[in-house]
């Protein structure tokens, strides 16, 4: 199957489920207090400086324009408040190292050490790392940059790094899917909020768009017949579903590479780990990422 080729609904569901599981592992980097504290210790100022510098560190000292483009749905002024100042306070290497140390501390806090150092986590890390070997870098700038980082040890950090690679691979594809359907970053946020998953005030504050900009985007989408006073129209739901379907099609590579048996086994291994992370309340729900709470 070629990248981006049509896939069955079962494969699409499996691809999305694997993202949900691995994203719950990755997303602790955005919510754990250990990460915020680690960024402060190396001199970064505030949550958002740590966020932009931490996620962009694989690029090196990237400009605000590059980060705005590759992160897609953040207002440029929000990025430029953090960069390039962050690079004057800490190097990308220092930032990445602090991030890993914080992830290590977080996972050791919320997951029983016998589980974290056990054979199941090592097996999960091996499978997830192998899955990333099936991911192509073409047209995937953030994923490609992240592949240049060395694989960390121990196994739970290797698993976290694999989850980061999978999410950035999928995220790059999600941007391509939105653009192919005629949506820019702000459009994608307005449509996401219209589903009722994340309240507008939270999403708007987390991405830096003004009321005027948000309302202008809403009017554009209304003119396209995608929104009305009640939320998404039938056409809007169909268009948003098409974006998600294209995203799934572009995200199938790691699971096609790992194979049905390997993917099924990785899913089995991830479920209890994700349950431990969720029960500890590390990841907030709802969240601007659009990550749903795992099923019990």
Protein backbone atom coordinates (compact mmCIF):
# COMPACT_ATOMS: atom_id res chain seq x y z
CA UNK A 1 0.00 0.00 0.00
CA UNK A 2 1.39 3.40 -0.95
CA UNK A 3 1.61 6.25 1.53
CA UNK A 4 -1.69 8.10 1.59
CA UNK A 5 -3.56 5.32 -0.23
CA UNK A 6 -7.12 4.54 0.83
CA UNK A 7 -7.36 2.25 3.84
CA UNK A 8 -10.20 0.25 5.35
CA UNK A 9 -12.18 1.61 8.25
CA UNK A 10 -10.69 -1.11 10.46
CA UNK A 11 -7.14 0.00 9.62
CA UNK A 12 -8.10 3.65 10.15
CA UNK A 13 -9.55 2.81 13.57
CA UNK A 14 -6.43 0.87 14.53
CA UNK A 15 -4.15 3.67 13.37
CA UNK A 16 -6.09 6.20 15.42
CA UNK A 17 -6.16 3.93 18.47
CA UNK A 18 -2.38 3.51 18.35
CA UNK A 19 -2.03 7.31 18.18
CA UNK A 20 -4.34 7.69 21.19
CA UNK A 21 -2.27 5.24 23.25
CA UNK A 22 1.16 6.58 22.31
CA UNK A 23 0.02 10.19 22.55
CA UNK A 24 -0.94 9.59 26.18
CA UNK A 25 2.66 8.51 26.77
CA UNK A 26 4.12 11.45 24.84
CA UNK A 27 1.75 14.12 26.20
CA UNK A 28 3.08 13.97 29.74
CA UNK A 29 5.74 16.37 28.45
CA UNK A 30 3.07 19.09 28.19
CA UNK A 31 1.39 18.58 31.55
CA UNK A 32 3.84 17.14 34.11
CA UNK A 33 5.11 19.63 36.69
CA UNK A 34 8.54 17.98 36.46
CA UNK A 35 8.91 19.28 32.91
CA UNK A 36 7.92 22.83 33.82
CA UNK A 37 10.37 22.79 36.73
CA UNK A 38 13.16 21.40 34.54
CA UNK A 39 12.74 24.18 32.00
CA UNK A 40 12.88 26.80 34.75
CA UNK A 41 16.05 25.28 36.20
CA UNK A 42 17.93 25.77 32.94
CA UNK A 43 16.78 29.38 32.70
CA UNK A 44 13.73 29.31 30.44
CA UNK A 45 10.92 31.67 31.40
CA UNK A 46 7.36 30.43 31.62
CA UNK A 47 5.52 27.40 30.32
CA UNK A 48 5.28 28.50 26.70
CA UNK A 49 8.97 29.26 26.28
CA UNK A 50 9.68 25.73 27.51
CA UNK A 51 7.03 24.29 25.21
CA UNK A 52 8.23 25.96 22.02
CA UNK A 53 11.92 25.50 22.76
CA UNK A 54 11.49 21.90 23.88
CA UNK A 55 9.49 20.76 20.90
CA UNK A 56 11.56 22.77 18.40
CA UNK A 57 14.96 21.80 19.87
CA UNK A 58 15.56 19.06 17.24
CA UNK A 59 15.75 21.84 14.62
CA UNK A 60 18.58 23.57 16.49
CA UNK A 61 18.15 27.30 17.04
CA UNK A 62 15.11 27.55 14.78
CA UNK A 63 13.60 30.93 13.91
CA UNK A 64 10.07 31.89 15.00
CA UNK A 65 8.98 31.69 11.35
CA UNK A 66 10.12 28.07 11.01
CA UNK A 67 8.43 27.06 14.27
CA UNK A 68 5.20 28.89 13.42
CA UNK A 69 5.08 27.12 10.06
CA UNK A 70 5.81 23.63 11.36
CA UNK A 71 3.64 23.87 14.48
CA UNK A 72 0.84 25.15 12.17
CA UNK A 73 -1.94 26.42 14.42
CA UNK A 74 -0.18 28.79 16.84
CA UNK A 75 -0.33 32.52 16.25
CA UNK A 76 3.09 33.76 15.17
CA UNK A 77 3.21 36.40 17.90
CA UNK A 78 2.89 33.68 20.52
CA UNK A 79 5.91 31.88 19.09
CA UNK A 80 7.98 35.05 18.81
CA UNK A 81 7.49 35.80 22.50
CA UNK A 82 9.42 32.60 23.24
CA UNK A 83 11.89 32.39 20.36
CA UNK A 84 14.64 33.23 19.66
CA UNK A 85 15.07 34.41 23.29
CA UNK A 86 15.04 30.79 24.52
CA UNK A 87 18.21 30.03 22.52
CA UNK A 88 20.02 32.81 24.41
CA UNK A 89 19.16 31.18 27.74
CA UNK A 90 19.88 27.51 26.97
CA UNK A 91 21.14 25.48 24.03
CA UNK A 92 18.86 23.04 22.20
CA UNK A 93 21.00 20.20 23.60
CA UNK A 94 20.53 21.44 27.17
CA UNK A 95 16.81 21.80 26.61
CA UNK A 96 16.44 18.31 25.18
CA UNK A 97 18.48 16.78 28.01
CA UNK A 98 16.39 18.58 30.64
CA UNK A 99 13.24 17.37 28.93
CA UNK A 100 14.37 13.73 29.04
CA UNK A 101 15.39 14.00 32.68
CA UNK A 102 11.95 15.40 33.52
CA UNK A 103 10.16 12.64 31.59
CA UNK A 104 12.23 10.07 33.47
CA UNK A 105 11.26 11.63 36.80
CA UNK A 106 7.59 11.82 35.82
CA UNK A 107 7.33 8.21 34.71
CA UNK A 108 9.15 7.02 37.83
CA UNK A 109 6.65 8.98 39.90
CA UNK A 110 3.46 7.67 38.28
CA UNK A 111 4.39 4.12 37.25
CA UNK A 112 5.47 1.38 39.65
CA UNK A 113 9.22 0.91 39.29
CA UNK A 114 8.83 -2.85 38.89
CA UNK A 115 6.60 -2.22 35.89
CA UNK A 116 8.77 0.54 34.47
CA UNK A 117 11.91 -1.60 34.56
CA UNK A 118 10.16 -4.83 33.67
CA UNK A 119 10.21 -6.91 30.48
CA UNK A 120 6.86 -5.58 29.22
CA UNK A 121 8.10 -1.99 28.97
CA UNK A 122 11.30 -3.16 27.27
CA UNK A 123 9.25 -5.15 24.78
CA UNK A 124 6.95 -2.19 24.16
CA UNK A 125 9.97 0.05 23.57
CA UNK A 126 11.45 -2.45 21.12
CA UNK A 127 8.18 -2.70 19.17
CA UNK A 128 7.56 1.05 19.14
CA UNK A 129 11.12 1.75 18.01
CA UNK A 130 10.75 -0.79 15.23
CA UNK A 131 7.47 0.83 14.15
CA UNK A 132 9.20 4.18 13.68
CA UNK A 133 11.62 2.58 11.21
CA UNK A 134 8.72 2.30 8.78
CA UNK A 135 8.04 6.05 8.76
CA UNK A 136 9.15 8.09 5.75
CA UNK A 137 10.57 11.59 6.28
CA UNK A 138 9.49 13.19 2.99
CA UNK A 139 7.28 16.19 3.67
CA UNK A 140 7.54 15.61 7.43
CA UNK A 141 9.87 18.32 8.76
CA UNK A 142 9.22 18.00 12.48
CA UNK A 143 9.38 14.21 12.35
CA UNK A 144 12.54 14.35 10.26
CA UNK A 145 14.24 16.71 12.71
CA UNK A 146 13.27 14.50 15.66
CA UNK A 147 14.81 11.43 13.98
CA UNK A 148 18.22 13.10 14.29
CA UNK A 149 18.12 12.83 18.09
CA UNK A 150 19.86 9.82 19.64
CA UNK A 151 17.73 7.07 21.12
CA UNK A 152 17.74 7.45 24.91
CA UNK A 153 17.97 4.77 27.56
CA UNK A 154 16.52 3.20 29.68
CA UNK A 155 13.62 1.49 27.92
CA UNK A 156 10.86 3.75 29.25
CA UNK A 157 12.64 6.78 27.77
CA UNK A 158 13.10 4.90 24.51
CA UNK A 159 9.36 4.23 24.51
CA UNK A 160 8.64 7.89 25.18
CA UNK A 161 10.95 8.93 22.33
CA UNK A 162 9.23 6.48 19.98
CA UNK A 163 5.85 7.92 20.98
CA UNK A 164 7.22 11.38 20.16
CA UNK A 165 8.37 10.26 16.72
CA UNK A 166 5.00 8.65 15.96
CA UNK A 167 3.07 11.75 17.04
CA UNK A 168 5.25 14.16 15.04
CA UNK A 169 4.97 11.89 11.99
CA UNK A 170 1.21 11.87 12.34
CA UNK A 171 1.14 15.59 13.10
CA UNK A 172 3.06 16.49 9.96
CA UNK A 173 0.58 14.41 7.98
CA UNK A 174 -2.36 16.07 9.72
CA UNK A 175 -1.09 19.47 8.58
CA UNK A 176 -0.85 18.19 5.02
CA UNK A 177 -4.39 16.82 5.25
CA UNK A 178 -5.78 20.13 6.48
CA UNK A 179 -4.03 22.08 3.74
CA UNK A 180 -5.24 19.63 1.10
CA UNK A 181 -8.82 20.28 2.24
CA UNK A 182 -8.37 24.05 2.22
CA UNK A 183 -7.95 24.68 5.96
CA UNK A 184 -5.23 26.74 7.60
CA UNK A 185 -4.17 26.35 11.23
CA UNK A 186 -6.82 28.66 12.64
CA UNK A 187 -9.55 27.03 10.54
CA UNK A 188 -8.60 23.66 11.99
CA UNK A 189 -8.95 25.00 15.53
CA UNK A 190 -12.35 26.59 14.90
CA UNK A 191 -13.64 23.36 13.39
CA UNK A 192 -12.25 21.32 16.27
CA UNK A 193 -14.01 23.53 18.82
CA UNK A 194 -17.24 23.32 16.86
CA UNK A 195 -17.35 19.58 17.59
CA UNK A 196 -17.78 20.43 21.27
CA UNK A 197 -14.62 18.66 22.40
CA UNK A 198 -12.61 21.66 23.63
CA UNK A 199 -14.21 24.97 24.70
CA UNK A 200 -13.30 27.93 22.49
CA UNK A 201 -11.86 30.06 25.33
CA UNK A 202 -9.39 27.35 26.30
CA UNK A 203 -8.32 26.59 22.76
CA UNK A 204 -8.08 30.25 21.79
CA UNK A 205 -5.94 31.12 24.80
CA UNK A 206 -3.69 28.11 24.22
CA UNK A 207 -3.00 29.08 20.61
CA UNK A 208 -2.85 32.87 20.84
CA UNK A 209 -5.59 34.01 18.42
CA UNK A 210 -7.59 37.19 19.05
CA UNK A 211 -11.38 37.34 19.13
CA UNK A 212 -11.38 39.25 15.85
CA UNK A 213 -9.18 36.66 14.12
CA UNK A 214 -11.25 33.79 15.48
CA UNK A 215 -14.51 35.43 14.43
CA UNK A 216 -13.13 36.12 10.95
CA UNK A 217 -12.21 32.46 10.54
CA UNK A 218 -15.66 31.46 11.77
CA UNK A 219 -17.25 33.73 9.16
CA UNK A 220 -15.10 32.21 6.40
CA UNK A 221 -16.10 28.71 7.39
CA UNK A 222 -19.75 29.76 7.65
CA UNK A 223 -19.53 31.17 4.10
CA UNK A 224 -18.27 27.77 2.94
CA UNK A 225 -21.33 26.13 4.46
CA UNK A 226 -19.32 24.32 7.13
CA UNK A 227 -20.62 26.10 10.23
CA UNK A 228 -23.84 27.62 11.49
CA UNK A 229 -25.17 28.87 14.82
CA UNK A 230 -25.52 25.30 16.07
CA UNK A 231 -21.98 24.24 15.21
CA UNK A 232 -20.84 22.04 12.35
CA UNK A 233 -23.22 21.56 9.47
CA UNK A 234 -23.54 18.18 7.73
CA UNK A 235 -21.02 19.42 5.18
CA UNK A 236 -18.73 20.60 7.97
CA UNK A 237 -18.84 17.21 9.66
CA UNK A 238 -18.13 15.51 6.36
CA UNK A 239 -15.18 17.78 5.62
CA UNK A 240 -13.70 17.35 9.07
CA UNK A 241 -14.16 13.58 8.83
CA UNK A 242 -12.37 13.66 5.48
CA UNK A 243 -9.41 15.45 7.06
CA UNK A 244 -9.24 12.87 9.83
CA UNK A 245 -9.50 10.04 7.33
CA UNK A 246 -6.67 11.49 5.24
CA UNK A 247 -4.63 11.90 8.42
CA UNK A 248 -5.15 8.22 9.23
CA UNK A 249 -4.13 7.23 5.70
CA UNK A 250 -0.94 9.25 6.02
CA UNK A 251 -0.24 7.79 9.48
CA UNK A 252 -0.48 4.10 8.62
CA UNK A 253 3.22 3.59 7.81
CA UNK A 254 4.52 2.56 11.26
CA UNK A 255 1.75 0.00 11.74
CA UNK A 256 2.04 -1.40 8.24
CA UNK A 257 5.77 -1.82 8.91
CA UNK A 258 5.27 -3.41 12.33
CA UNK A 259 2.60 -5.76 11.01
CA UNK A 260 -0.70 -6.88 12.50
CA UNK A 261 0.83 -9.13 15.15
CA UNK A 262 3.39 -6.60 16.33
CA UNK A 263 0.84 -3.79 16.39
CA UNK A 264 -1.61 -5.91 18.37
CA UNK A 265 1.10 -6.84 20.88
CA UNK A 266 2.22 -3.24 21.30
CA UNK A 267 -1.37 -2.19 21.93
CA UNK A 268 -1.68 -4.86 24.64
CA UNK A 269 1.52 -3.66 26.31
CA UNK A 270 0.57 0.02 26.19
CA UNK A 271 -2.89 -0.28 27.75
CA UNK A 272 -1.76 -0.82 31.39
CA UNK A 273 0.98 1.82 31.09
CA UNK A 274 -1.47 4.39 29.74
CA UNK A 275 -3.94 3.43 32.48
CA UNK A 276 -1.28 4.20 35.11
CA UNK A 277 -0.54 7.58 33.52
CA UNK A 278 -4.24 8.42 33.26
CA UNK A 279 -5.09 7.35 36.80
CA UNK A 280 -2.27 9.57 38.09
CA UNK A 281 -3.95 12.55 36.40
CA UNK A 282 -0.82 13.62 34.52
CA UNK A 283 -2.63 14.46 31.27
CA UNK A 284 -5.54 16.89 31.44
CA UNK A 285 -8.86 16.14 29.72
CA UNK A 286 -10.17 17.86 27.66
CA UNK A 287 -7.02 19.33 26.20
CA UNK A 288 -6.03 21.52 23.23
CA UNK A 289 -4.26 18.54 21.64
CA UNK A 290 -7.65 16.95 20.99
CA UNK A 291 -6.55 13.77 22.77
CA UNK A 292 -9.53 11.88 24.20
CA UNK A 293 -9.52 10.20 27.58
CA UNK A 294 -8.58 6.51 27.18
CA UNK A 295 -11.42 4.04 27.42
CA UNK A 296 -11.57 2.21 30.72
